[in-house]
Amino acid sequence: MSSSLARRLRDPLALPVIVAPMFLVSGPELVVASCRAGVMGSIPTQNARTFEQLDAWIGQIKDGIADLPDPRWAVSMIVHKTYERFDAELALMTERRPDVVITALGSPARVADAVHGYGGAVFADVMSVEHARKAADAGADGLVLVCHGAGGHTGRYSAFAMVDEVRAFFDGPLVVGGAVSTGRGVLAVEALGADLAYMGTRYIACPESMVGARYRELLVQADITGVTATAAVTGVLCSWLSDSLAEAGYDAQALTAAGQVDFSDVHGENKPWKDIFGAGQGVGAIAAVETVEAVTQQLLGEYREALDGVSGRSAALSV
């Protein structure tokens, strides 16, 4: 582990995984199920349509994990200047005290004092080395490297290169996302020098998520060739299931255009992403609709098998 904070967050987990906070996917049931399965659950605040609903959801999460000996959970907040609920949500975080607040689309400095004040950690979503450096300088305790192949808001850079470059100036906790879809991938993330894997797509089809039947159906059918990355929908580069883009009426020409970034009405009824489904390049690992517990146990088995294999090769090399 790279730091005492990384160990504090990782040690209680059965597997070094954060189930990523996914827009229109993650709700309190997914967070609770993730924590109970032995990984870190998380939720993006904007998934709650109202502030009152968000408060109720976080209460549901805390009640659902209250009997666990040492659970870990996180909340993702939009810190972009156009997000209207920011102040109210930050006040709620200081009351409810998630272990980690993950900042997206802005500087972690906006939340650092409040979260540190109750003993929480601030992680920042970053998609480039430049962003990582700025987030570290702004007081982020940990960095979430959103690398190429991630679902939803995605990065352009390979984790193989990005981890090394960020480690050159940052020794705090690193989380890596981007097509991590198996236990072998989780071990690979650790081998690169990161502390935790960010896994979103692998858990979307679980019945504990908030998605509908059509989304689950497309996930089970898709493989790596069925994912399209475009900025045309939200103004930020995102990875979507290609079939859902086609069903929503997007053609090849439209997908080359860049939309406008605006989170002032993220809960509005007319937002284009309501009927378009995000997924990362690891979607091919989804073969069926399975519970969070079942998925996590499969990942844990793959992780242990891969670890045994690495240990065996290491022993052979030392002879």
Protein backbone atom coordinates (compact mmCIF):
# COMPACT_ATOMS: atom_id res chain seq x y z
CA MET A 1 0.00 0.00 0.00
CA SER A 2 1.18 3.49 -0.79
CA SER A 3 0.03 5.26 2.39
CA SER A 4 -1.62 4.82 5.77
CA LEU A 5 -4.85 6.25 4.32
CA ALA A 6 -4.79 3.65 1.55
CA ARG A 7 -4.36 0.89 4.13
CA ARG A 8 -7.17 2.28 6.29
CA LEU A 9 -9.55 2.26 3.37
CA ARG A 10 -8.39 -1.03 1.86
CA ASP A 11 -7.82 -3.31 4.84
CA PRO A 12 -11.49 -3.88 5.80
CA LEU A 13 -12.39 -4.82 2.22
CA ALA A 14 -12.53 -8.39 0.94
CA LEU A 15 -11.36 -7.08 -2.44
CA PRO A 16 -9.64 -3.75 -3.26
CA VAL A 17 -12.57 -2.46 -5.29
CA ILE A 18 -14.76 0.63 -5.28
CA VAL A 19 -18.06 0.11 -7.06
CA ALA A 20 -17.98 3.36 -8.97
CA PRO A 21 -20.64 6.04 -8.46
CA MET A 22 -22.61 5.78 -11.71
CA PHE A 23 -25.05 8.39 -12.95
CA LEU A 24 -28.63 7.07 -13.10
CA VAL A 25 -27.33 3.64 -12.02
CA SER A 26 -26.13 3.75 -8.41
CA GLY A 27 -28.72 4.01 -5.66
CA PRO A 28 -28.80 3.12 -1.99
CA GLU A 29 -29.52 -0.56 -2.64
CA LEU A 30 -26.38 -0.90 -4.77
CA VAL A 31 -24.26 0.86 -2.15
CA VAL A 32 -25.56 -1.30 0.70
CA ALA A 33 -25.17 -4.52 -1.32
CA SER A 34 -21.63 -3.54 -2.28
CA CYS A 35 -20.61 -2.88 1.31
CA ARG A 36 -22.20 -6.10 2.48
CA ALA A 37 -20.34 -8.02 -0.24
CA GLY A 38 -17.01 -6.69 1.01
CA VAL A 39 -16.23 -3.88 -1.44
CA MET A 40 -16.66 -0.12 -1.15
CA GLY A 41 -20.03 1.17 -2.30
CA SER A 42 -20.56 4.66 -3.65
CA ILE A 43 -23.30 6.92 -4.91
CA PRO A 44 -23.35 10.13 -6.96
CA THR A 45 -25.44 12.76 -5.19
CA GLN A 46 -27.12 13.88 -8.40
CA ASN A 47 -28.90 10.53 -8.75
CA ALA A 48 -31.36 11.74 -6.13
CA ARG A 49 -33.86 14.00 -7.88
CA THR A 50 -34.33 16.18 -4.81
CA PHE A 51 -32.19 17.10 -1.84
CA GLU A 52 -34.77 15.51 0.46
CA GLN A 53 -34.47 12.25 -1.45
CA LEU A 54 -30.69 12.38 -1.17
CA ASP A 55 -30.92 12.81 2.58
CA ALA A 56 -33.29 9.84 2.79
CA TRP A 57 -31.04 7.70 0.60
CA ILE A 58 -27.97 8.35 2.71
CA GLY A 59 -29.99 7.51 5.80
CA GLN A 60 -30.99 4.25 4.09
CA ILE A 61 -27.33 3.49 3.34
CA LYS A 62 -26.21 4.11 6.91
CA ASP A 63 -29.04 1.99 8.29
CA GLY A 64 -28.26 -0.79 5.82
CA ILE A 65 -24.62 -1.09 6.84
CA ALA A 66 -24.97 -0.25 10.53
CA ASP A 67 -24.42 -3.87 11.62
CA LEU A 68 -21.21 -4.31 9.62
CA PRO A 69 -18.00 -4.16 11.67
CA ASP A 70 -16.08 -1.68 9.50
CA PRO A 71 -17.81 -0.79 6.21
CA ARG A 72 -16.44 1.67 3.68
CA TRP A 73 -18.65 3.91 1.54
CA ALA A 74 -18.21 6.96 -0.63
CA VAL A 75 -20.21 9.78 -2.16
CA SER A 76 -19.45 11.51 -5.45
CA MET A 77 -20.23 15.20 -5.75
CA ILE A 78 -20.28 17.47 -8.79
CA VAL A 79 -18.21 20.52 -7.93
CA HIS A 80 -18.74 22.28 -11.27
CA LYS A 81 -19.80 25.92 -10.83
CA THR A 82 -23.13 25.30 -12.60
CA TYR A 83 -24.30 22.65 -10.11
CA GLU A 84 -26.97 24.33 -8.00
CA ARG A 85 -27.18 21.89 -5.04
CA PHE A 86 -23.49 22.06 -4.17
CA ASP A 87 -23.72 24.04 -0.92
CA ALA A 88 -26.61 22.03 0.49
CA GLU A 89 -24.98 18.72 -0.42
CA LEU A 90 -21.66 19.68 1.16
CA ALA A 91 -23.45 20.56 4.40
CA LEU A 92 -25.15 17.14 4.27
CA MET A 93 -21.80 15.39 3.85
CA THR A 94 -20.47 17.00 7.03
CA GLU A 95 -23.52 15.63 8.84
CA ARG A 96 -23.58 12.11 7.35
CA ARG A 97 -19.79 11.67 7.12
CA PRO A 98 -19.02 9.27 4.27
CA ASP A 99 -15.53 7.80 4.41
CA VAL A 100 -14.65 9.34 1.06
CA VAL A 101 -16.03 12.26 -0.93
CA ILE A 102 -15.12 11.95 -4.61
CA THR A 103 -15.15 15.20 -6.54
CA ALA A 104 -16.07 15.34 -10.21
CA LEU A 105 -15.89 18.09 -12.81
CA GLY A 106 -14.06 20.64 -10.70
CA SER A 107 -11.49 21.33 -8.00
CA PRO A 108 -11.43 19.24 -4.79
CA ALA A 109 -10.51 22.43 -2.94
CA ARG A 110 -14.22 23.28 -2.81
CA VAL A 111 -14.88 20.41 -0.37
CA ALA A 112 -11.51 19.77 1.28
CA ASP A 113 -11.91 21.83 4.45
CA ALA A 114 -15.40 20.53 5.22
CA VAL A 115 -14.58 16.87 4.60
CA HIS A 116 -11.26 16.99 6.43
CA GLY A 117 -13.07 18.68 9.30
CA TYR A 118 -15.01 15.51 10.13
CA GLY A 119 -12.12 13.16 9.34
CA GLY A 120 -13.12 12.11 5.84
CA ALA A 121 -10.92 11.79 2.78
CA VAL A 122 -11.25 13.72 -0.48
CA PHE A 123 -10.58 11.90 -3.73
CA ALA A 124 -10.69 13.61 -7.12
CA ASP A 125 -11.74 12.13 -10.45
CA VAL A 126 -9.00 13.00 -12.96
CA MET A 127 -8.59 12.13 -16.60
CA SER A 128 -5.09 13.42 -17.34
CA VAL A 129 -1.74 13.84 -15.61
CA GLU A 130 -2.26 17.60 -15.69
CA HIS A 131 -5.60 17.26 -13.91
CA ALA A 132 -4.03 14.88 -11.40
CA ARG A 133 -1.31 17.38 -10.55
CA LYS A 134 -3.82 20.20 -10.12
CA ALA A 135 -6.04 18.04 -7.89
CA ALA A 136 -3.09 17.02 -5.73
CA ASP A 137 -2.03 20.65 -5.40
CA ALA A 138 -5.63 21.56 -4.45
CA GLY A 139 -5.58 19.23 -1.45
CA ALA A 140 -6.94 15.91 -2.74
CA ASP A 141 -6.00 13.02 -0.46
CA GLY A 142 -6.45 10.46 -3.23
CA LEU A 143 -6.82 10.42 -6.99
CA VAL A 144 -9.19 8.39 -9.14
CA LEU A 145 -7.51 7.91 -12.52
CA VAL A 146 -10.28 7.55 -15.07
CA CYS A 147 -8.40 5.88 -17.88
CA HIS A 148 -9.14 4.79 -21.42
CA GLY A 149 -11.94 2.27 -21.66
CA ALA A 150 -13.98 3.55 -18.71
CA GLY A 151 -17.73 3.81 -18.98
CA GLY A 152 -19.61 7.09 -18.60
CA HIS A 153 -17.17 10.02 -18.41
CA THR A 154 -14.03 8.42 -19.74
CA GLY A 155 -10.35 9.20 -20.17
CA ARG A 156 -8.08 9.06 -23.19
CA TYR A 157 -4.95 7.64 -21.56
CA SER A 158 -3.80 4.12 -20.79
CA ALA A 159 -3.54 3.15 -17.14
CA PHE A 160 -0.13 1.58 -17.89
CA ALA A 161 1.34 5.00 -18.63
CA MET A 162 -0.81 7.22 -16.43
CA VAL A 163 -0.15 5.43 -13.13
CA ASP A 164 3.62 5.71 -13.56
CA GLU A 165 3.47 9.40 -14.44
CA VAL A 166 1.19 10.25 -11.52
CA ARG A 167 3.24 8.17 -9.08
CA ALA A 168 6.24 10.34 -9.96
CA PHE A 169 4.72 13.20 -7.92
CA PHE A 170 1.90 11.68 -5.82
CA ASP A 171 2.28 9.05 -3.09
CA GLY A 172 -1.29 9.06 -1.78
CA PRO A 173 -4.01 6.54 -2.59
CA LEU A 174 -4.55 5.86 -6.28
CA VAL A 175 -7.70 4.35 -7.71
CA VAL A 176 -7.73 3.17 -11.33
CA GLY A 177 -10.78 2.80 -13.54
CA GLY A 178 -11.05 1.87 -17.18
CA ALA A 179 -12.28 -1.54 -18.40
CA VAL A 180 -11.42 -3.29 -15.11
CA SER A 181 -13.93 -6.11 -15.29
CA THR A 182 -12.34 -9.22 -13.72
CA GLY A 183 -10.46 -10.21 -10.60
CA ARG A 184 -7.38 -10.50 -12.80
CA GLY A 185 -7.85 -6.85 -13.73
CA VAL A 186 -8.06 -5.88 -10.06
CA LEU A 187 -4.73 -7.58 -9.39
CA ALA A 188 -3.24 -5.90 -12.46
CA VAL A 189 -4.26 -2.49 -11.08
CA GLU A 190 -2.36 -3.26 -7.89
CA ALA A 191 0.64 -4.48 -9.88
CA LEU A 192 0.74 -1.13 -11.68
CA GLY A 193 1.18 0.62 -8.34
CA ALA A 194 -2.39 1.67 -7.55
CA ASP A 195 -4.32 0.80 -4.39
CA LEU A 196 -7.88 0.17 -5.50
CA ALA A 197 -9.78 -0.62 -8.68
CA TYR A 198 -12.77 1.42 -9.81
CA MET A 199 -15.38 -0.95 -11.23
CA GLY A 200 -18.63 0.37 -12.64
CA THR A 201 -19.81 -1.44 -15.75
CA ARG A 202 -19.39 -4.90 -14.22
CA TYR A 203 -22.04 -4.04 -11.61
CA ILE A 204 -24.63 -2.19 -13.73
CA ALA A 205 -26.65 -5.28 -14.65
CA CYS A 206 -26.99 -6.33 -11.00
CA PRO A 207 -30.61 -6.29 -9.80
CA GLU A 208 -29.62 -3.90 -6.99
CA SER A 209 -28.87 -1.11 -9.50
CA MET A 210 -31.49 1.41 -10.61
CA VAL A 211 -31.45 0.53 -14.32
CA GLY A 212 -34.31 -0.90 -16.34
CA ALA A 213 -34.71 -4.18 -18.17
CA ARG A 214 -33.63 -2.85 -21.58
CA TYR A 215 -30.34 -1.55 -20.19
CA ARG A 216 -29.60 -4.92 -18.59
CA GLU A 217 -30.52 -6.71 -21.81
CA LEU A 218 -28.11 -4.60 -23.88
CA LEU A 219 -25.32 -5.09 -21.32
CA VAL A 220 -25.59 -8.87 -21.47
CA GLN A 221 -25.60 -8.78 -25.29
CA ALA A 222 -22.71 -6.33 -25.74
CA ASP A 223 -18.98 -6.77 -26.06
CA ILE A 224 -16.12 -4.34 -26.58
CA THR A 225 -17.25 -3.60 -30.14
CA GLY A 226 -20.60 -2.33 -28.87
CA VAL A 227 -19.19 0.70 -27.01
CA THR A 228 -18.86 4.19 -28.52
CA ALA A 229 -16.96 7.11 -26.98
CA THR A 230 -18.33 10.56 -27.88
CA ALA A 231 -18.70 14.06 -26.42
CA ALA A 232 -21.87 14.70 -28.41
CA VAL A 233 -24.29 13.77 -25.63
CA THR A 234 -23.07 15.69 -22.57
CA GLY A 235 -20.22 17.85 -23.85
CA VAL A 236 -17.72 15.61 -22.07
CA LEU A 237 -16.19 12.49 -23.60
CA CYS A 238 -18.33 9.54 -22.47
CA SER A 239 -18.58 5.86 -23.37
CA TRP A 240 -22.05 4.61 -24.29
CA LEU A 241 -23.62 1.39 -25.50
CA SER A 242 -23.74 1.86 -29.26
CA ASP A 243 -27.16 0.25 -29.61
CA SER A 244 -28.66 2.74 -27.14
CA LEU A 245 -27.19 5.65 -29.11
CA ALA A 246 -28.76 4.30 -32.29
CA GLU A 247 -32.11 3.78 -30.55
CA ALA A 248 -31.98 7.40 -29.36
CA GLY A 249 -31.50 8.62 -32.93
CA TYR A 250 -27.80 9.51 -32.93
CA ASP A 251 -26.12 8.99 -36.30
CA ALA A 252 -22.41 8.91 -37.12
CA GLN A 253 -22.28 12.61 -38.00
CA ALA A 254 -23.99 13.67 -34.77
CA LEU A 255 -21.50 11.66 -32.73
CA THR A 256 -18.57 13.72 -34.02
CA ALA A 257 -20.03 16.94 -32.59
CA ALA A 258 -19.27 18.21 -29.09
CA GLY A 259 -22.20 19.08 -26.85
CA GLN A 260 -22.19 21.87 -24.26
CA VAL A 261 -21.22 21.17 -20.64
CA ASP A 262 -24.06 22.32 -18.36
CA PHE A 263 -25.09 20.80 -15.02
CA SER A 264 -27.45 23.59 -13.95
CA ASP A 265 -30.47 21.32 -14.49
CA VAL A 266 -29.01 17.86 -14.17
CA HIS A 267 -32.39 16.44 -13.09
CA GLY A 268 -34.37 17.94 -15.98
CA GLU A 269 -36.76 15.79 -17.97
CA ASN A 270 -35.34 16.79 -21.36
CA LYS A 271 -31.71 15.84 -20.85
CA PRO A 272 -30.47 13.63 -23.74
CA TRP A 273 -28.74 11.07 -21.53
CA LYS A 274 -32.00 9.82 -19.99
CA ASP A 275 -32.41 7.15 -22.67
CA ILE A 276 -28.76 6.49 -23.53
CA PHE A 277 -26.88 3.87 -21.57
CA GLY A 278 -23.27 4.14 -20.44
CA ALA A 279 -20.83 1.23 -20.45
CA GLY A 280 -17.08 0.72 -20.51
CA GLN A 281 -14.99 -1.50 -22.72
CA GLY A 282 -15.09 -4.30 -20.15
CA VAL A 283 -18.78 -4.89 -20.83
CA GLY A 284 -18.03 -8.26 -22.43
CA ALA A 285 -17.46 -9.72 -18.95
CA ILE A 286 -21.20 -9.47 -18.24
CA ALA A 287 -22.79 -12.77 -19.24
CA ALA A 288 -25.93 -12.64 -17.11
CA VAL A 289 -27.89 -10.59 -14.60
CA GLU A 290 -26.33 -11.51 -11.23
CA THR A 291 -26.48 -10.07 -7.73
CA VAL A 292 -23.75 -7.87 -6.32
CA GLU A 293 -22.77 -10.69 -3.97
CA ALA A 294 -22.47 -13.18 -6.84
CA VAL A 295 -20.43 -10.80 -8.99
CA THR A 296 -18.10 -9.95 -6.12
CA GLN A 297 -17.56 -13.59 -5.23
CA GLN A 298 -16.67 -14.34 -8.86
CA LEU A 299 -14.22 -11.44 -8.88
CA LEU A 300 -12.70 -12.62 -5.60
CA GLY A 301 -12.20 -16.11 -6.99
CA GLU A 302 -10.54 -14.73 -10.12
CA TYR A 303 -8.36 -12.46 -8.00
CA ARG A 304 -7.18 -15.28 -5.76
CA GLU A 305 -6.50 -17.56 -8.74
CA ALA A 306 -4.48 -14.82 -10.45
CA LEU A 307 -2.58 -14.11 -7.24
CA ASP A 308 -1.73 -17.79 -6.86
CA GLY A 309 -0.51 -17.83 -10.45
CA VAL A 310 1.72 -14.81 -9.92
CA SER A 311 3.09 -16.30 -6.70
CA GLY A 312 3.87 -19.53 -8.52
CA ARG A 313 5.72 -17.75 -11.32
CA SER A 314 7.62 -15.68 -8.76
CA ALA A 315 8.68 -18.81 -6.92
CA ALA A 316 9.83 -20.43 -10.18
CA LEU A 317 11.91 -17.38 -11.07
CA SER A 318 13.64 -17.41 -7.69
CA VAL A 319 14.86 -20.98 -8.11
